Amino acid sequence: RKTILYGMERVEWRGKLENGSGGSLSLKDSKIGVNDDVKLDEMVQAANTAKAKAYARYSSFRVGAAVLDGESGVVFSGCNVENSSFGLTVCAERCAVFSAVASGCKKLRALVVTTDVTEHFTFPCGACRQVLNEFGITDVFCLQPSGRMMHVTLSELLPHAFSPDDLVIPAPPRT
């Protein structure tokens, strides 16, 4: 039994999302795109497995992430990979997205991210938020080691995001 914060509402996690009055919130309701509560469990397990493989030699800040392909329902995971040249470090969220893209997925729907932090929820950084937006992720589930989970939408984390629709490509000059 775990606690999940769904938006700002505290609910209990028992293998599916439930609201405070005992009714259920399906993954379809959270816009994950797959009406299968087992998928969130699969994503949590994949993120935790990836976190255990994190290469966090310099900070000891382990992060695992899992993304859900919106078309096939396949889950892809990633972990943070640090580098002594800190700017070259790759976050777990981007690692998971890049893994999905390398497998041919372009329409992702949800992300689970987990760390070892117990005091608060850890959210994706700004660069990761922008990458998540690029591939259509709408739902972000942040998980603590205790099993407490918070659900937020990407639009809450990244309002007014720059998107491919913002790129206006001028017509080539006529010669």
Protein backbone atom coordinates (compact mmCIF):
# COMPACT_ATOMS: atom_id res chain seq x y z
CA ARG A 1 0.00 0.00 0.00
CA LYS A 2 1.51 3.28 -1.10
CA THR A 3 0.42 6.90 -1.07
CA ILE A 4 0.05 8.73 -4.36
CA LEU A 5 -0.66 12.40 -4.80
CA TYR A 6 -2.85 12.74 -7.86
CA GLY A 7 -2.45 16.37 -8.80
CA MET A 8 -2.98 17.92 -5.38
CA GLU A 9 -5.29 15.13 -4.14
CA ARG A 10 -3.83 12.52 -1.76
CA VAL A 11 -5.02 9.01 -2.60
CA GLU A 12 -3.85 5.48 -1.83
CA TRP A 13 -1.94 3.34 -4.33
CA ARG A 14 -2.85 -0.36 -4.31
CA GLY A 15 -1.80 -1.38 -7.78
CA LYS A 16 -4.23 1.06 -9.33
CA LEU A 17 -5.04 4.71 -8.89
CA GLU A 18 -7.90 5.31 -6.50
CA ASN A 19 -9.52 8.56 -5.51
CA GLY A 20 -10.27 9.49 -1.90
CA SER A 21 -13.88 8.27 -2.06
CA GLY A 22 -12.96 4.73 -3.09
CA GLY A 23 -13.63 5.12 -6.81
CA SER A 24 -10.88 4.38 -9.26
CA LEU A 25 -8.94 6.70 -11.51
CA SER A 26 -7.87 4.70 -14.53
CA LEU A 27 -4.75 5.40 -16.51
CA LYS A 28 -7.09 6.49 -19.29
CA ASP A 29 -8.32 9.25 -16.96
CA SER A 30 -4.74 10.41 -16.47
CA LYS A 31 -4.32 10.63 -20.26
CA ILE A 32 -1.62 7.98 -20.24
CA GLY A 33 -3.27 6.64 -23.38
CA VAL A 34 -3.48 3.02 -22.26
CA ASN A 35 -6.41 1.90 -20.10
CA ASP A 36 -4.37 -0.75 -18.28
CA ASP A 37 -3.41 -0.11 -14.66
CA VAL A 38 -0.77 -2.82 -14.94
CA LYS A 39 1.26 -0.48 -17.18
CA LEU A 40 1.95 1.92 -14.33
CA ASP A 41 3.20 -0.98 -12.21
CA GLU A 42 5.41 -2.08 -15.11
CA MET A 43 6.77 1.46 -15.49
CA VAL A 44 7.51 1.74 -11.75
CA GLN A 45 9.37 -1.57 -11.80
CA ALA A 46 11.36 -0.55 -14.90
CA ALA A 47 12.29 2.82 -13.37
CA ASN A 48 13.43 1.20 -10.12
CA THR A 49 15.49 -1.39 -12.01
CA ALA A 50 17.12 1.35 -14.07
CA LYS A 51 17.86 3.42 -10.93
CA ALA A 52 19.82 0.47 -9.53
CA LYS A 53 22.03 0.64 -12.65
CA ALA A 54 22.66 4.40 -12.52
CA TYR A 55 26.23 5.56 -13.01
CA ALA A 56 26.33 8.24 -10.30
CA ARG A 57 30.01 8.05 -9.43
CA TYR A 58 30.37 11.74 -8.59
CA SER A 59 27.11 12.73 -6.90
CA SER A 60 25.71 9.38 -5.69
CA PHE A 61 22.36 10.81 -6.88
CA ARG A 62 20.76 7.79 -8.55
CA VAL A 63 17.81 8.34 -10.89
CA GLY A 64 15.75 5.85 -12.85
CA ALA A 65 13.05 6.61 -15.40
CA ALA A 66 10.61 4.77 -17.62
CA VAL A 67 8.55 6.05 -20.53
CA LEU A 68 5.51 4.51 -22.17
CA ASP A 69 5.16 4.32 -25.94
CA GLY A 70 1.68 5.63 -26.68
CA GLU A 71 1.15 3.40 -29.70
CA SER A 72 2.55 -0.01 -28.75
CA GLY A 73 2.38 0.23 -24.94
CA VAL A 74 6.04 -0.80 -24.69
CA VAL A 75 7.95 0.57 -21.69
CA PHE A 76 11.50 1.89 -22.10
CA SER A 77 13.78 2.70 -19.19
CA GLY A 78 16.89 4.74 -18.56
CA CYS A 79 19.21 5.81 -15.76
CA ASN A 80 21.38 8.84 -15.19
CA VAL A 81 24.92 8.54 -16.51
CA GLU A 82 27.35 11.00 -14.95
CA ASN A 83 30.63 12.16 -16.44
CA SER A 84 33.64 13.84 -14.86
CA SER A 85 32.91 16.69 -17.26
CA PHE A 86 29.58 17.39 -15.57
CA GLY A 87 28.00 19.08 -18.59
CA LEU A 88 28.16 15.75 -20.41
CA THR A 89 26.02 13.97 -17.81
CA VAL A 90 22.77 12.55 -19.23
CA CYS A 91 19.65 12.49 -17.08
CA ALA A 92 17.62 9.29 -16.67
CA GLU A 93 14.54 10.85 -18.24
CA ARG A 94 16.35 11.74 -21.46
CA CYS A 95 18.11 8.37 -21.46
CA ALA A 96 14.70 6.62 -21.38
CA VAL A 97 13.30 8.85 -24.12
CA PHE A 98 16.37 8.36 -26.32
CA SER A 99 16.12 4.59 -25.85
CA ALA A 100 12.50 4.68 -27.01
CA VAL A 101 13.36 6.86 -30.00
CA ALA A 102 16.28 4.59 -30.94
CA SER A 103 13.74 1.74 -31.04
CA GLY A 104 11.54 3.68 -33.45
CA CYS A 105 9.01 5.21 -31.03
CA LYS A 106 8.02 8.81 -31.61
CA LYS A 107 4.76 9.20 -29.65
CA LEU A 108 5.37 8.74 -25.95
CA ARG A 109 2.64 9.20 -23.33
CA ALA A 110 3.90 8.99 -19.74
CA LEU A 111 7.00 9.06 -17.57
CA VAL A 112 7.81 7.56 -14.18
CA VAL A 113 10.90 8.98 -12.46
CA THR A 114 12.38 7.68 -9.20
CA THR A 115 15.26 8.69 -6.96
CA ASP A 116 16.54 7.84 -3.48
CA VAL A 117 15.31 11.20 -2.10
CA THR A 118 12.85 10.67 0.75
CA GLU A 119 12.12 14.24 1.90
CA HIS A 120 10.38 15.50 -1.23
CA PHE A 121 9.49 14.57 -4.79
CA THR A 122 12.15 15.01 -7.45
CA PHE A 123 10.90 16.35 -10.79
CA PRO A 124 12.61 16.34 -14.19
CA CYS A 125 15.03 19.20 -14.87
CA GLY A 126 14.24 21.89 -17.43
CA ALA A 127 16.15 20.24 -20.27
CA CYS A 128 14.34 16.96 -19.65
CA ARG A 129 10.98 18.72 -19.53
CA GLN A 130 11.65 20.17 -22.97
CA VAL A 131 12.60 16.74 -24.36
CA LEU A 132 9.49 15.17 -22.80
CA ASN A 133 7.39 17.84 -24.49
CA GLU A 134 9.03 17.13 -27.86
CA PHE A 135 7.76 13.54 -27.78
CA GLY A 136 4.27 14.19 -26.45
CA ILE A 137 4.54 12.99 -22.85
CA THR A 138 1.55 14.37 -20.94
CA ASP A 139 1.76 12.61 -17.58
CA VAL A 140 4.67 12.54 -15.11
CA PHE A 141 4.67 10.26 -12.07
CA CYS A 142 7.37 11.04 -9.47
CA LEU A 143 8.14 8.17 -7.11
CA GLN A 144 9.86 8.14 -3.71
CA PRO A 145 11.61 5.04 -2.26
CA SER A 146 8.71 4.60 0.21
CA GLY A 147 6.30 4.15 -2.69
CA ARG A 148 4.71 7.59 -2.33
CA MET A 149 3.98 8.89 -5.78
CA MET A 150 2.87 12.22 -7.21
CA HIS A 151 1.19 12.70 -10.57
CA VAL A 152 1.52 15.97 -12.45
CA THR A 153 0.96 16.90 -16.05
CA LEU A 154 3.83 18.09 -18.16
CA SER A 155 1.92 21.30 -18.86
CA GLU A 156 2.00 21.98 -15.10
CA LEU A 157 5.78 21.46 -15.08
CA LEU A 158 6.44 23.30 -18.34
CA PRO A 159 3.78 25.91 -19.08
CA HIS A 160 4.18 27.73 -22.39
CA ALA A 161 6.59 25.09 -23.69
CA PHE A 162 8.50 25.65 -26.89
CA SER A 163 7.26 23.00 -29.29
CA PRO A 164 7.75 21.91 -32.89
CA ASP A 165 4.64 23.97 -33.72
CA ASP A 166 6.62 27.08 -32.75
CA LEU A 167 9.10 26.52 -35.57
CA VAL A 168 8.09 28.53 -38.57
CA ILE A 169 10.23 27.43 -41.45
CA PRO A 170 10.36 30.10 -44.14
CA ALA A 171 9.93 29.08 -47.73
CA PRO A 172 13.23 28.81 -49.59
CA PRO A 173 14.11 31.90 -51.61
CA ARG A 174 13.13 31.80 -55.25
CA THR A 175 15.96 31.88 -57.69
